[in-house]
N, C-alpha and C. Protein backbone atom coordinates (compact mmCIF):
# COMPACT_ATOMS: atom_id res chain seq x y z
N MET A 1 75.75 3.78 -127.16
CA MET A 1 75.22 2.96 -126.06
C MET A 1 75.69 1.53 -126.25
N THR A 2 76.17 0.95 -125.23
CA THR A 2 76.65 -0.44 -125.33
C THR A 2 75.56 -1.40 -124.93
N ALA A 3 75.64 -2.61 -125.45
CA ALA A 3 74.65 -3.64 -125.13
C ALA A 3 74.78 -4.05 -123.67
N ALA A 4 73.64 -4.37 -123.09
CA ALA A 4 73.66 -4.81 -121.69
C ALA A 4 74.45 -6.10 -121.56
N ARG A 5 75.22 -6.19 -120.53
CA ARG A 5 76.02 -7.39 -120.32
C ARG A 5 75.13 -8.54 -119.82
N GLY A 6 75.41 -9.70 -120.31
CA GLY A 6 74.66 -10.88 -119.86
C GLY A 6 75.16 -11.34 -118.51
N ARG A 7 74.38 -12.16 -117.89
CA ARG A 7 74.75 -12.69 -116.57
C ARG A 7 75.92 -13.64 -116.71
N THR A 8 76.86 -13.52 -115.84
CA THR A 8 78.03 -14.40 -115.87
C THR A 8 78.03 -15.29 -114.64
N GLY A 9 78.93 -16.28 -114.68
CA GLY A 9 79.02 -17.19 -113.54
C GLY A 9 78.03 -18.34 -113.66
N ARG A 10 77.94 -19.13 -112.60
CA ARG A 10 77.06 -20.29 -112.61
C ARG A 10 75.61 -19.87 -112.55
N PRO A 11 74.71 -20.62 -113.22
CA PRO A 11 73.28 -20.27 -113.16
C PRO A 11 72.74 -20.53 -111.76
N PRO A 12 71.68 -19.82 -111.38
CA PRO A 12 71.13 -20.02 -110.04
C PRO A 12 70.58 -21.43 -109.88
N LEU A 13 70.67 -21.95 -108.67
CA LEU A 13 70.15 -23.28 -108.40
C LEU A 13 68.63 -23.28 -108.41
N THR A 14 68.05 -24.35 -108.88
CA THR A 14 66.60 -24.49 -108.84
C THR A 14 66.17 -24.84 -107.42
N GLU A 15 64.88 -24.67 -107.12
CA GLU A 15 64.37 -25.03 -105.80
C GLU A 15 64.58 -26.51 -105.54
N GLU A 16 64.41 -27.32 -106.57
CA GLU A 16 64.59 -28.77 -106.41
C GLU A 16 66.03 -29.10 -106.04
N ARG A 17 66.97 -28.44 -106.72
CA ARG A 17 68.38 -28.72 -106.43
C ARG A 17 68.75 -28.21 -105.04
N ARG A 18 68.21 -27.07 -104.63
CA ARG A 18 68.48 -26.57 -103.28
C ARG A 18 67.96 -27.56 -102.23
N ALA A 19 66.78 -28.10 -102.48
CA ALA A 19 66.22 -29.08 -101.55
C ALA A 19 67.09 -30.33 -101.49
N GLU A 20 67.60 -30.76 -102.63
CA GLU A 20 68.48 -31.93 -102.66
C GLU A 20 69.77 -31.66 -101.89
N THR A 21 70.31 -30.47 -102.06
CA THR A 21 71.54 -30.11 -101.34
C THR A 21 71.31 -30.09 -99.83
N ARG A 22 70.19 -29.52 -99.42
CA ARG A 22 69.87 -29.50 -97.99
C ARG A 22 69.77 -30.92 -97.44
N LEU A 23 69.17 -31.83 -98.20
CA LEU A 23 69.02 -33.21 -97.74
C LEU A 23 70.37 -33.90 -97.69
N GLU A 24 71.23 -33.64 -98.67
CA GLU A 24 72.57 -34.23 -98.67
C GLU A 24 73.36 -33.75 -97.45
N ILE A 25 73.25 -32.48 -97.15
CA ILE A 25 73.94 -31.93 -95.97
C ILE A 25 73.39 -32.58 -94.70
N ALA A 26 72.07 -32.76 -94.63
CA ALA A 26 71.45 -33.37 -93.45
C ALA A 26 71.96 -34.78 -93.23
N ARG A 27 72.00 -35.57 -94.30
CA ARG A 27 72.48 -36.95 -94.16
C ARG A 27 73.94 -37.00 -93.72
N ALA A 28 74.75 -36.13 -94.32
CA ALA A 28 76.16 -36.10 -93.94
C ALA A 28 76.34 -35.70 -92.48
N ALA A 29 75.56 -34.71 -92.04
CA ALA A 29 75.65 -34.27 -90.66
C ALA A 29 75.29 -35.39 -89.70
N VAL A 30 74.23 -36.13 -90.00
CA VAL A 30 73.83 -37.23 -89.12
C VAL A 30 74.92 -38.28 -89.05
N ASP A 31 75.48 -38.66 -90.18
CA ASP A 31 76.54 -39.67 -90.18
C ASP A 31 77.70 -39.25 -89.29
N LEU A 32 78.07 -37.97 -89.38
CA LEU A 32 79.17 -37.47 -88.55
C LEU A 32 78.76 -37.39 -87.09
N PHE A 33 77.56 -36.93 -86.81
CA PHE A 33 77.09 -36.84 -85.43
C PHE A 33 77.09 -38.23 -84.77
N VAL A 34 76.59 -39.23 -85.50
CA VAL A 34 76.53 -40.58 -84.95
C VAL A 34 77.94 -41.16 -84.79
N GLY A 35 78.81 -40.88 -85.76
CA GLY A 35 80.14 -41.48 -85.74
C GLY A 35 81.09 -40.86 -84.75
N GLN A 36 81.01 -39.53 -84.54
CA GLN A 36 82.01 -38.89 -83.69
C GLN A 36 81.44 -37.91 -82.68
N GLY A 37 80.11 -37.75 -82.68
CA GLY A 37 79.48 -36.84 -81.74
C GLY A 37 79.29 -35.45 -82.34
N VAL A 38 78.34 -34.73 -81.78
CA VAL A 38 78.02 -33.39 -82.29
C VAL A 38 79.15 -32.42 -82.01
N ALA A 39 79.69 -32.45 -80.80
CA ALA A 39 80.72 -31.49 -80.41
C ALA A 39 81.95 -31.57 -81.30
N ALA A 40 82.31 -32.79 -81.72
CA ALA A 40 83.52 -32.98 -82.52
C ALA A 40 83.30 -32.70 -84.00
N THR A 41 82.08 -32.48 -84.41
CA THR A 41 81.76 -32.26 -85.82
C THR A 41 81.81 -30.78 -86.17
N THR A 42 82.43 -30.46 -87.28
CA THR A 42 82.53 -29.07 -87.72
C THR A 42 81.78 -28.87 -89.03
N GLY A 43 81.49 -27.61 -89.32
CA GLY A 43 80.85 -27.29 -90.59
C GLY A 43 81.73 -27.67 -91.76
N GLU A 44 83.05 -27.54 -91.59
CA GLU A 44 83.98 -27.92 -92.65
C GLU A 44 83.86 -29.41 -92.96
N GLN A 45 83.75 -30.23 -91.91
CA GLN A 45 83.63 -31.68 -92.12
C GLN A 45 82.32 -32.02 -92.83
N ILE A 46 81.24 -31.38 -92.43
CA ILE A 46 79.96 -31.63 -93.08
C ILE A 46 80.03 -31.25 -94.56
N GLY A 47 80.62 -30.10 -94.84
CA GLY A 47 80.75 -29.67 -96.22
C GLY A 47 81.61 -30.61 -97.04
N GLN A 48 82.74 -31.05 -96.48
CA GLN A 48 83.62 -31.96 -97.19
C GLN A 48 82.92 -33.27 -97.53
N ALA A 49 82.06 -33.76 -96.63
CA ALA A 49 81.35 -35.01 -96.87
C ALA A 49 80.38 -34.90 -98.04
N VAL A 50 79.92 -33.69 -98.31
CA VAL A 50 78.96 -33.46 -99.39
C VAL A 50 79.64 -32.95 -100.65
N GLY A 51 80.85 -32.41 -100.48
CA GLY A 51 81.54 -31.82 -101.62
C GLY A 51 81.24 -30.36 -101.81
N VAL A 52 80.91 -29.67 -100.71
CA VAL A 52 80.66 -28.23 -100.77
C VAL A 52 81.51 -27.56 -99.69
N SER A 53 81.57 -26.24 -99.72
CA SER A 53 82.34 -25.50 -98.73
C SER A 53 81.54 -25.33 -97.44
N ALA A 54 82.25 -25.02 -96.37
CA ALA A 54 81.57 -24.72 -95.11
C ALA A 54 80.67 -23.50 -95.28
N ARG A 55 81.10 -22.55 -96.11
CA ARG A 55 80.27 -21.37 -96.35
C ARG A 55 78.92 -21.76 -96.94
N THR A 56 78.92 -22.76 -97.82
CA THR A 56 77.66 -23.23 -98.39
C THR A 56 76.78 -23.86 -97.32
N VAL A 57 77.40 -24.63 -96.43
CA VAL A 57 76.64 -25.25 -95.33
C VAL A 57 75.94 -24.16 -94.53
N TRP A 58 76.67 -23.10 -94.16
CA TRP A 58 76.10 -22.04 -93.33
C TRP A 58 75.11 -21.18 -94.12
N ARG A 59 75.19 -21.21 -95.43
CA ARG A 59 74.20 -20.49 -96.24
C ARG A 59 72.84 -21.17 -96.12
N TYR A 60 72.86 -22.48 -95.97
CA TYR A 60 71.61 -23.24 -95.87
C TYR A 60 71.11 -23.37 -94.43
N PHE A 61 72.04 -23.41 -93.47
CA PHE A 61 71.66 -23.68 -92.09
C PHE A 61 72.41 -22.74 -91.14
N PRO A 62 71.72 -22.26 -90.08
CA PRO A 62 72.37 -21.33 -89.16
C PRO A 62 73.31 -22.00 -88.16
N SER A 63 73.19 -23.31 -87.97
CA SER A 63 74.04 -24.02 -87.01
C SER A 63 74.18 -25.46 -87.48
N LYS A 64 75.16 -26.15 -86.92
CA LYS A 64 75.35 -27.54 -87.35
C LYS A 64 74.20 -28.43 -86.90
N GLU A 65 73.64 -28.15 -85.72
CA GLU A 65 72.48 -28.95 -85.27
C GLU A 65 71.29 -28.78 -86.20
N SER A 66 71.09 -27.57 -86.73
CA SER A 66 69.93 -27.33 -87.59
C SER A 66 70.07 -28.01 -88.94
N CYS A 67 71.26 -28.52 -89.25
CA CYS A 67 71.45 -29.22 -90.53
C CYS A 67 70.52 -30.43 -90.68
N VAL A 68 70.08 -30.98 -89.55
CA VAL A 68 69.27 -32.21 -89.62
C VAL A 68 67.79 -31.92 -89.86
N ARG A 69 67.38 -30.68 -89.89
CA ARG A 69 65.96 -30.35 -89.98
C ARG A 69 65.25 -30.98 -91.17
N PRO A 70 65.86 -31.05 -92.36
CA PRO A 70 65.14 -31.67 -93.48
C PRO A 70 64.71 -33.10 -93.22
N LEU A 71 65.50 -33.84 -92.43
CA LEU A 71 65.12 -35.22 -92.11
C LEU A 71 63.97 -35.25 -91.12
N PHE A 72 63.95 -34.32 -90.18
CA PHE A 72 62.87 -34.27 -89.20
C PHE A 72 61.56 -33.79 -89.82
N SER A 73 61.64 -32.82 -90.73
CA SER A 73 60.42 -32.20 -91.25
C SER A 73 59.85 -32.90 -92.47
N ALA A 74 60.58 -33.85 -93.04
CA ALA A 74 60.08 -34.55 -94.22
C ALA A 74 58.75 -35.23 -93.89
N GLY A 75 57.77 -35.03 -94.73
CA GLY A 75 56.50 -35.72 -94.57
C GLY A 75 55.41 -34.93 -93.88
N ILE A 76 55.71 -33.74 -93.35
CA ILE A 76 54.68 -32.98 -92.64
C ILE A 76 53.51 -32.65 -93.56
N ASP A 77 53.81 -32.12 -94.73
CA ASP A 77 52.74 -31.76 -95.67
C ASP A 77 52.01 -32.98 -96.18
N VAL A 78 52.73 -34.09 -96.35
CA VAL A 78 52.09 -35.33 -96.82
C VAL A 78 51.09 -35.83 -95.78
N ILE A 79 51.49 -35.83 -94.52
CA ILE A 79 50.60 -36.29 -93.45
C ILE A 79 49.40 -35.36 -93.33
N ALA A 80 49.61 -34.06 -93.52
CA ALA A 80 48.49 -33.11 -93.50
C ALA A 80 47.48 -33.45 -94.59
N ASP A 81 47.95 -33.81 -95.76
CA ASP A 81 47.04 -34.21 -96.84
C ASP A 81 46.27 -35.46 -96.46
N TRP A 82 46.93 -36.39 -95.79
CA TRP A 82 46.25 -37.61 -95.35
C TRP A 82 45.16 -37.28 -94.35
N LEU A 83 45.40 -36.32 -93.48
CA LEU A 83 44.38 -35.92 -92.51
C LEU A 83 43.16 -35.31 -93.21
N ARG A 84 43.41 -34.53 -94.25
CA ARG A 84 42.29 -33.95 -95.01
C ARG A 84 41.45 -35.05 -95.66
N ASP A 85 42.12 -36.14 -96.07
CA ASP A 85 41.43 -37.23 -96.75
C ASP A 85 40.91 -38.30 -95.79
N TRP A 86 41.12 -38.11 -94.50
CA TRP A 86 40.70 -39.09 -93.49
C TRP A 86 39.18 -39.27 -93.58
N ARG A 87 38.76 -40.47 -93.85
CA ARG A 87 37.34 -40.73 -94.11
C ARG A 87 36.54 -40.71 -92.81
N PRO A 88 35.33 -40.16 -92.84
CA PRO A 88 34.45 -40.18 -91.66
C PRO A 88 34.21 -41.62 -91.20
N GLY A 89 34.33 -41.83 -89.92
CA GLY A 89 34.10 -43.16 -89.37
C GLY A 89 35.33 -44.06 -89.38
N GLN A 90 36.37 -43.66 -90.07
CA GLN A 90 37.59 -44.47 -90.09
C GLN A 90 38.37 -44.26 -88.80
N PRO A 91 38.73 -45.33 -88.08
CA PRO A 91 39.51 -45.16 -86.85
C PRO A 91 40.81 -44.43 -87.13
N LEU A 92 41.20 -43.55 -86.23
CA LEU A 92 42.41 -42.77 -86.44
C LEU A 92 43.63 -43.66 -86.62
N GLU A 93 43.67 -44.77 -85.87
CA GLU A 93 44.85 -45.62 -85.95
C GLU A 93 44.99 -46.32 -87.30
N ARG A 94 43.93 -46.29 -88.12
CA ARG A 94 44.01 -46.90 -89.45
C ARG A 94 44.36 -45.87 -90.52
N LEU A 95 44.65 -44.64 -90.10
CA LEU A 95 44.89 -43.55 -91.04
C LEU A 95 46.01 -43.88 -92.02
N PHE A 96 47.08 -44.51 -91.53
CA PHE A 96 48.23 -44.78 -92.37
C PHE A 96 48.18 -46.12 -93.08
N ASP A 97 47.16 -46.93 -92.80
CA ASP A 97 47.19 -48.33 -93.24
C ASP A 97 47.38 -48.49 -94.73
N HIS A 98 46.52 -47.87 -95.52
CA HIS A 98 46.62 -48.12 -96.97
C HIS A 98 47.85 -47.45 -97.55
N ARG A 99 48.37 -46.41 -96.88
CA ARG A 99 49.61 -45.81 -97.34
C ARG A 99 50.78 -46.75 -97.07
N LEU A 100 50.77 -47.41 -95.92
CA LEU A 100 51.84 -48.34 -95.60
C LEU A 100 51.84 -49.52 -96.57
N THR A 101 50.64 -49.92 -97.02
CA THR A 101 50.55 -51.02 -97.98
C THR A 101 51.00 -50.57 -99.36
N ALA A 102 50.54 -49.38 -99.77
CA ALA A 102 50.86 -48.88 -101.10
C ALA A 102 52.29 -48.37 -101.20
N ASP A 103 52.81 -47.84 -100.09
CA ASP A 103 54.14 -47.24 -100.09
C ASP A 103 54.89 -47.64 -98.83
N PRO A 104 55.46 -48.86 -98.80
CA PRO A 104 56.19 -49.30 -97.61
C PRO A 104 57.35 -48.38 -97.27
N GLY A 105 57.82 -47.59 -98.24
CA GLY A 105 58.91 -46.68 -97.99
C GLY A 105 58.59 -45.64 -96.95
N PHE A 106 57.27 -45.42 -96.69
CA PHE A 106 56.90 -44.47 -95.64
C PHE A 106 57.51 -44.87 -94.31
N VAL A 107 57.55 -46.18 -94.06
CA VAL A 107 58.17 -46.68 -92.83
C VAL A 107 59.58 -47.16 -93.07
N ALA A 108 59.78 -47.89 -94.17
CA ALA A 108 61.04 -48.61 -94.36
C ALA A 108 61.96 -47.96 -95.36
N GLY A 109 61.73 -46.69 -95.68
CA GLY A 109 62.53 -46.01 -96.68
C GLY A 109 63.97 -45.84 -96.24
N PRO A 110 64.82 -45.31 -97.13
CA PRO A 110 66.24 -45.20 -96.82
C PRO A 110 66.54 -44.28 -95.66
N GLU A 111 65.59 -43.40 -95.27
CA GLU A 111 65.84 -42.47 -94.18
C GLU A 111 65.50 -43.07 -92.82
N ARG A 112 64.82 -44.23 -92.79
CA ARG A 112 64.33 -44.74 -91.52
C ARG A 112 65.44 -44.95 -90.51
N ALA A 113 66.50 -45.68 -90.93
CA ALA A 113 67.59 -45.96 -90.00
C ALA A 113 68.31 -44.68 -89.61
N THR A 114 68.46 -43.77 -90.58
CA THR A 114 69.13 -42.50 -90.30
C THR A 114 68.37 -41.69 -89.28
N VAL A 115 67.06 -41.55 -89.48
CA VAL A 115 66.24 -40.77 -88.56
C VAL A 115 66.21 -41.45 -87.19
N GLY A 116 66.15 -42.79 -87.17
CA GLY A 116 66.16 -43.50 -85.90
C GLY A 116 67.41 -43.20 -85.09
N ALA A 117 68.56 -43.23 -85.76
CA ALA A 117 69.81 -42.91 -85.07
C ALA A 117 69.81 -41.47 -84.60
N LEU A 118 69.24 -40.59 -85.40
CA LEU A 118 69.19 -39.17 -85.04
C LEU A 118 68.29 -38.93 -83.84
N VAL A 119 67.14 -39.58 -83.82
CA VAL A 119 66.23 -39.41 -82.69
C VAL A 119 66.88 -39.91 -81.40
N ARG A 120 67.63 -40.99 -81.49
CA ARG A 120 68.31 -41.48 -80.30
C ARG A 120 69.32 -40.47 -79.78
N LEU A 121 69.94 -39.73 -80.67
CA LEU A 121 70.90 -38.71 -80.25
C LEU A 121 70.23 -37.55 -79.50
N THR A 122 68.94 -37.33 -79.76
CA THR A 122 68.27 -36.19 -79.11
C THR A 122 68.16 -36.38 -77.60
N ARG A 123 68.37 -37.59 -77.13
CA ARG A 123 68.32 -37.81 -75.68
C ARG A 123 69.50 -37.17 -74.96
N THR A 124 70.63 -37.08 -75.66
CA THR A 124 71.85 -36.61 -75.01
C THR A 124 72.41 -35.33 -75.61
N GLU A 125 71.81 -34.86 -76.70
CA GLU A 125 72.29 -33.65 -77.37
C GLU A 125 71.21 -32.58 -77.31
N PRO A 126 71.31 -31.62 -76.41
CA PRO A 126 70.27 -30.59 -76.26
C PRO A 126 70.01 -29.81 -77.54
N GLY A 127 71.04 -29.54 -78.33
CA GLY A 127 70.84 -28.79 -79.56
C GLY A 127 69.97 -29.54 -80.55
N LEU A 128 70.21 -30.84 -80.67
CA LEU A 128 69.39 -31.66 -81.56
C LEU A 128 67.98 -31.81 -81.00
N ARG A 129 67.88 -31.92 -79.69
CA ARG A 129 66.56 -32.03 -79.07
C ARG A 129 65.73 -30.79 -79.36
N ALA A 130 66.35 -29.63 -79.33
CA ALA A 130 65.63 -28.39 -79.61
C ALA A 130 65.12 -28.37 -81.05
N VAL A 131 65.94 -28.84 -81.99
CA VAL A 131 65.52 -28.88 -83.40
C VAL A 131 64.38 -29.88 -83.57
N TRP A 132 64.48 -31.02 -82.93
CA TRP A 132 63.45 -32.07 -82.98
C TRP A 132 62.11 -31.53 -82.49
N LEU A 133 62.11 -30.88 -81.34
CA LEU A 133 60.86 -30.36 -80.78
C LEU A 133 60.33 -29.18 -81.59
N GLN A 134 61.22 -28.36 -82.11
CA GLN A 134 60.79 -27.24 -82.93
C GLN A 134 60.07 -27.72 -84.19
N THR A 135 60.55 -28.81 -84.76
CA THR A 135 59.91 -29.35 -85.96
C THR A 135 58.47 -29.75 -85.66
N TYR A 136 58.25 -30.39 -84.53
CA TYR A 136 56.88 -30.78 -84.17
C TYR A 136 56.04 -29.56 -83.84
N ASP A 137 56.65 -28.56 -83.23
CA ASP A 137 55.93 -27.33 -82.94
C ASP A 137 55.45 -26.66 -84.23
N GLU A 138 56.26 -26.71 -85.27
CA GLU A 138 55.88 -26.13 -86.55
C GLU A 138 54.87 -27.00 -87.30
N ALA A 139 54.89 -28.30 -87.04
CA ALA A 139 53.94 -29.20 -87.71
C ALA A 139 52.53 -29.05 -87.16
N GLU A 140 52.41 -28.70 -85.90
CA GLU A 140 51.10 -28.71 -85.24
C GLU A 140 50.07 -27.80 -85.92
N PRO A 141 50.38 -26.53 -86.24
CA PRO A 141 49.38 -25.72 -86.93
C PRO A 141 49.05 -26.23 -88.33
N VAL A 142 50.00 -26.88 -88.98
CA VAL A 142 49.73 -27.48 -90.29
C VAL A 142 48.68 -28.58 -90.16
N PHE A 143 48.85 -29.41 -89.13
CA PHE A 143 47.87 -30.47 -88.89
C PHE A 143 46.52 -29.90 -88.47
N ALA A 144 46.54 -28.83 -87.68
CA ALA A 144 45.30 -28.21 -87.22
C ALA A 144 44.51 -27.65 -88.41
N ARG A 145 45.19 -27.02 -89.35
CA ARG A 145 44.50 -26.50 -90.54
C ARG A 145 43.88 -27.63 -91.34
N ALA A 146 44.62 -28.73 -91.46
CA ALA A 146 44.10 -29.87 -92.22
C ALA A 146 42.85 -30.45 -91.56
N LEU A 147 42.88 -30.60 -90.24
CA LEU A 147 41.73 -31.14 -89.52
C LEU A 147 40.56 -30.18 -89.58
N GLY A 148 40.84 -28.88 -89.49
CA GLY A 148 39.77 -27.90 -89.58
C GLY A 148 39.12 -27.90 -90.95
N GLU A 149 39.93 -28.00 -92.01
CA GLU A 149 39.38 -28.04 -93.36
C GLU A 149 38.57 -29.31 -93.57
N ARG A 150 39.04 -30.42 -93.01
CA ARG A 150 38.32 -31.69 -93.13
C ARG A 150 36.92 -31.57 -92.52
N ALA A 151 36.84 -30.88 -91.37
CA ALA A 151 35.57 -30.77 -90.65
C ALA A 151 34.75 -29.55 -91.07
N GLY A 152 35.31 -28.71 -91.93
CA GLY A 152 34.60 -27.51 -92.34
C GLY A 152 34.45 -26.50 -91.22
N LEU A 153 35.45 -26.42 -90.35
CA LEU A 153 35.39 -25.52 -89.20
C LEU A 153 36.14 -24.23 -89.50
N PRO A 154 35.76 -23.12 -88.86
CA PRO A 154 36.48 -21.87 -89.07
C PRO A 154 37.91 -21.95 -88.55
N ALA A 155 38.77 -21.08 -89.08
CA ALA A 155 40.19 -21.14 -88.76
C ALA A 155 40.48 -20.94 -87.28
N ASP A 156 39.61 -20.20 -86.57
CA ASP A 156 39.87 -19.91 -85.16
C ASP A 156 39.17 -20.88 -84.21
N ASP A 157 38.63 -21.98 -84.74
CA ASP A 157 37.96 -22.97 -83.88
C ASP A 157 39.00 -23.71 -83.05
N LEU A 158 38.70 -23.90 -81.76
CA LEU A 158 39.65 -24.53 -80.86
C LEU A 158 39.77 -26.03 -81.08
N ARG A 159 38.70 -26.68 -81.55
CA ARG A 159 38.69 -28.14 -81.62
C ARG A 159 39.80 -28.73 -82.49
N PRO A 160 40.01 -28.28 -83.72
CA PRO A 160 41.11 -28.87 -84.49
C PRO A 160 42.48 -28.57 -83.89
N THR A 161 42.60 -27.48 -83.16
CA THR A 161 43.87 -27.16 -82.50
C THR A 161 44.19 -28.20 -81.44
N ILE A 162 43.18 -28.55 -80.64
CA ILE A 162 43.38 -29.58 -79.61
C ILE A 162 43.61 -30.93 -80.24
N GLN A 163 42.84 -31.26 -81.28
CA GLN A 163 43.01 -32.54 -81.96
C GLN A 163 44.41 -32.65 -82.58
N ALA A 164 44.87 -31.56 -83.18
CA ALA A 164 46.21 -31.58 -83.79
C ALA A 164 47.29 -31.76 -82.73
N ALA A 165 47.11 -31.14 -81.57
CA ALA A 165 48.09 -31.28 -80.50
C ALA A 165 48.18 -32.72 -80.04
N MET A 166 47.03 -33.38 -79.90
CA MET A 166 47.03 -34.79 -79.49
C MET A 166 47.64 -35.68 -80.56
N PHE A 167 47.26 -35.45 -81.81
CA PHE A 167 47.78 -36.22 -82.92
C PHE A 167 49.30 -36.05 -83.03
N ASN A 168 49.74 -34.82 -82.94
CA ASN A 168 51.16 -34.51 -83.06
C ASN A 168 51.97 -35.16 -81.94
N ALA A 169 51.46 -35.05 -80.72
CA ALA A 169 52.16 -35.66 -79.58
C ALA A 169 52.21 -37.17 -79.71
N ALA A 170 51.15 -37.77 -80.23
CA ALA A 170 51.12 -39.22 -80.41
C ALA A 170 52.17 -39.67 -81.43
N LEU A 171 52.30 -38.92 -82.52
CA LEU A 171 53.31 -39.27 -83.51
C LEU A 171 54.72 -39.17 -82.93
N ARG A 172 54.99 -38.08 -82.22
CA ARG A 172 56.32 -37.91 -81.65
C ARG A 172 56.64 -39.00 -80.64
N ALA A 173 55.67 -39.31 -79.78
CA ALA A 173 55.89 -40.35 -78.77
C ALA A 173 56.14 -41.69 -79.43
N ALA A 174 55.41 -41.97 -80.52
CA ALA A 174 55.57 -43.25 -81.21
C ALA A 174 56.96 -43.37 -81.83
N VAL A 175 57.40 -42.32 -82.49
CA VAL A 175 58.71 -42.36 -83.14
C VAL A 175 59.82 -42.49 -82.09
N GLU A 176 59.71 -41.75 -80.99
CA GLU A 176 60.72 -41.84 -79.94
C GLU A 176 60.73 -43.23 -79.29
N HIS A 177 59.55 -43.74 -79.00
CA HIS A 177 59.46 -45.07 -78.39
C HIS A 177 60.10 -46.12 -79.28
N TYR A 178 59.79 -46.03 -80.57
CA TYR A 178 60.37 -46.97 -81.53
C TYR A 178 61.88 -46.82 -81.60
N ALA A 179 62.35 -45.58 -81.77
CA ALA A 179 63.79 -45.34 -81.94
C ALA A 179 64.58 -45.82 -80.73
N TRP A 180 64.07 -45.57 -79.53
CA TRP A 180 64.78 -45.96 -78.33
C TRP A 180 64.66 -47.46 -78.08
N ARG A 181 63.56 -48.05 -78.53
CA ARG A 181 63.36 -49.48 -78.34
C ARG A 181 64.35 -50.31 -79.15
N VAL A 182 64.67 -49.87 -80.37
CA VAL A 182 65.53 -50.67 -81.24
C VAL A 182 67.00 -50.30 -81.11
N GLU A 183 67.32 -49.44 -80.16
CA GLU A 183 68.72 -49.05 -79.98
C GLU A 183 69.57 -50.28 -79.69
N GLY A 184 70.70 -50.36 -80.35
CA GLY A 184 71.61 -51.49 -80.13
C GLY A 184 71.29 -52.69 -80.98
N GLY A 185 70.38 -52.54 -81.97
CA GLY A 185 70.10 -53.65 -82.87
C GLY A 185 69.35 -54.79 -82.21
N GLU A 186 68.36 -54.48 -81.40
CA GLU A 186 67.64 -55.51 -80.68
C GLU A 186 66.75 -56.35 -81.59
N THR A 187 66.37 -55.82 -82.76
CA THR A 187 65.52 -56.55 -83.67
C THR A 187 66.10 -56.48 -85.07
N ASP A 188 65.72 -57.45 -85.94
CA ASP A 188 66.17 -57.37 -87.32
C ASP A 188 65.34 -56.33 -88.07
N ALA A 189 65.75 -56.02 -89.29
CA ALA A 189 65.14 -54.91 -90.03
C ALA A 189 63.65 -55.12 -90.25
N ALA A 190 63.26 -56.31 -90.70
CA ALA A 190 61.84 -56.55 -91.00
C ALA A 190 61.00 -56.41 -89.74
N ARG A 191 61.48 -56.97 -88.65
CA ARG A 191 60.73 -56.87 -87.41
C ARG A 191 60.67 -55.43 -86.91
N ALA A 192 61.77 -54.71 -87.06
CA ALA A 192 61.80 -53.32 -86.61
C ALA A 192 60.79 -52.48 -87.38
N GLU A 193 60.70 -52.71 -88.70
CA GLU A 193 59.76 -51.94 -89.52
C GLU A 193 58.31 -52.26 -89.12
N ALA A 194 58.02 -53.53 -88.83
CA ALA A 194 56.68 -53.90 -88.39
C ALA A 194 56.39 -53.28 -87.03
N GLU A 195 57.40 -53.22 -86.16
CA GLU A 195 57.21 -52.63 -84.84
C GLU A 195 56.91 -51.14 -84.94
N LEU A 196 57.56 -50.45 -85.87
CA LEU A 196 57.30 -49.03 -86.04
C LEU A 196 55.85 -48.80 -86.47
N ALA A 197 55.39 -49.57 -87.44
CA ALA A 197 54.01 -49.42 -87.90
C ALA A 197 53.03 -49.71 -86.76
N ASP A 198 53.30 -50.77 -85.99
CA ASP A 198 52.42 -51.12 -84.88
C ASP A 198 52.45 -50.05 -83.79
N THR A 199 53.63 -49.49 -83.54
CA THR A 199 53.76 -48.45 -82.52
C THR A 199 52.97 -47.21 -82.91
N MET A 200 53.05 -46.83 -84.17
CA MET A 200 52.30 -45.68 -84.65
C MET A 200 50.80 -45.91 -84.51
N ARG A 201 50.33 -47.09 -84.87
CA ARG A 201 48.90 -47.41 -84.74
C ARG A 201 48.47 -47.36 -83.28
N ALA A 202 49.28 -47.93 -82.40
CA ALA A 202 48.94 -47.96 -80.98
C ALA A 202 48.88 -46.55 -80.41
N ALA A 203 49.82 -45.71 -80.79
CA ALA A 203 49.85 -44.34 -80.28
C ALA A 203 48.63 -43.55 -80.76
N LEU A 204 48.26 -43.72 -82.02
CA LEU A 204 47.10 -43.00 -82.55
C LEU A 204 45.81 -43.51 -81.93
N ALA A 205 45.76 -44.80 -81.60
CA ALA A 205 44.57 -45.35 -80.94
C ALA A 205 44.40 -44.72 -79.57
N VAL A 206 45.48 -44.56 -78.83
CA VAL A 206 45.42 -43.92 -77.52
C VAL A 206 44.98 -42.47 -77.66
N ALA A 207 45.53 -41.76 -78.66
CA ALA A 207 45.16 -40.36 -78.88
C ALA A 207 43.67 -40.24 -79.23
N ALA A 208 43.17 -41.17 -80.03
CA ALA A 208 41.78 -41.13 -80.45
C ALA A 208 40.83 -41.32 -79.27
N ARG A 209 41.24 -42.14 -78.30
CA ARG A 209 40.39 -42.39 -77.14
C ARG A 209 40.38 -41.19 -76.19
N GLY A 210 41.47 -40.42 -76.23
CA GLY A 210 41.55 -39.24 -75.38
C GLY A 210 41.67 -39.60 -73.91
N LEU A 211 41.34 -38.67 -73.06
CA LEU A 211 41.43 -38.86 -71.62
C LEU A 211 40.11 -39.36 -71.08
N SER A 212 40.18 -40.27 -70.14
CA SER A 212 38.95 -40.80 -69.55
C SER A 212 39.05 -40.77 -68.03
């Protein structure tokens, strides 16, 4: 009987490294989309920008438009945790305040300008628009579970579902309003970052008041 052969070739990637690769591909895709348009961008170009093959790009993403999903979905679980920790009596529009103070990168991090440029592209690129909306569609039940757990409500209660829909729509509207407002460099970086924070607060205040 011969000894079992050991595994050969490169070791499998860790989950952390796979996540890093997905993010690298996302950033490269956005740079190319902004620089030359979605139609002119190929999987080969995205892979070359990252130093991987086109086959690797397609292993991670089913289409070139979907390459940007990691940038859109970043922060969903973090925001859900914030909703669980939302203190009774605290105005909804103040939900992010101490996070913005403790971690300015939430607004002004290295992805802010990239995501802003990407959101602006969703106005004219239907494929990117579909990915953008799908990300929010997937975030909504995550937010609903967080709000339900915060209130101690059963999983099938309608109230956190409606609240999550309003909260989710307010966030999307705020990000789009901000991204389209600063198109063309209308404000400097510091002012733009302050405007994003103010826009988010204003949108959440409207959502909290509901319909009257």
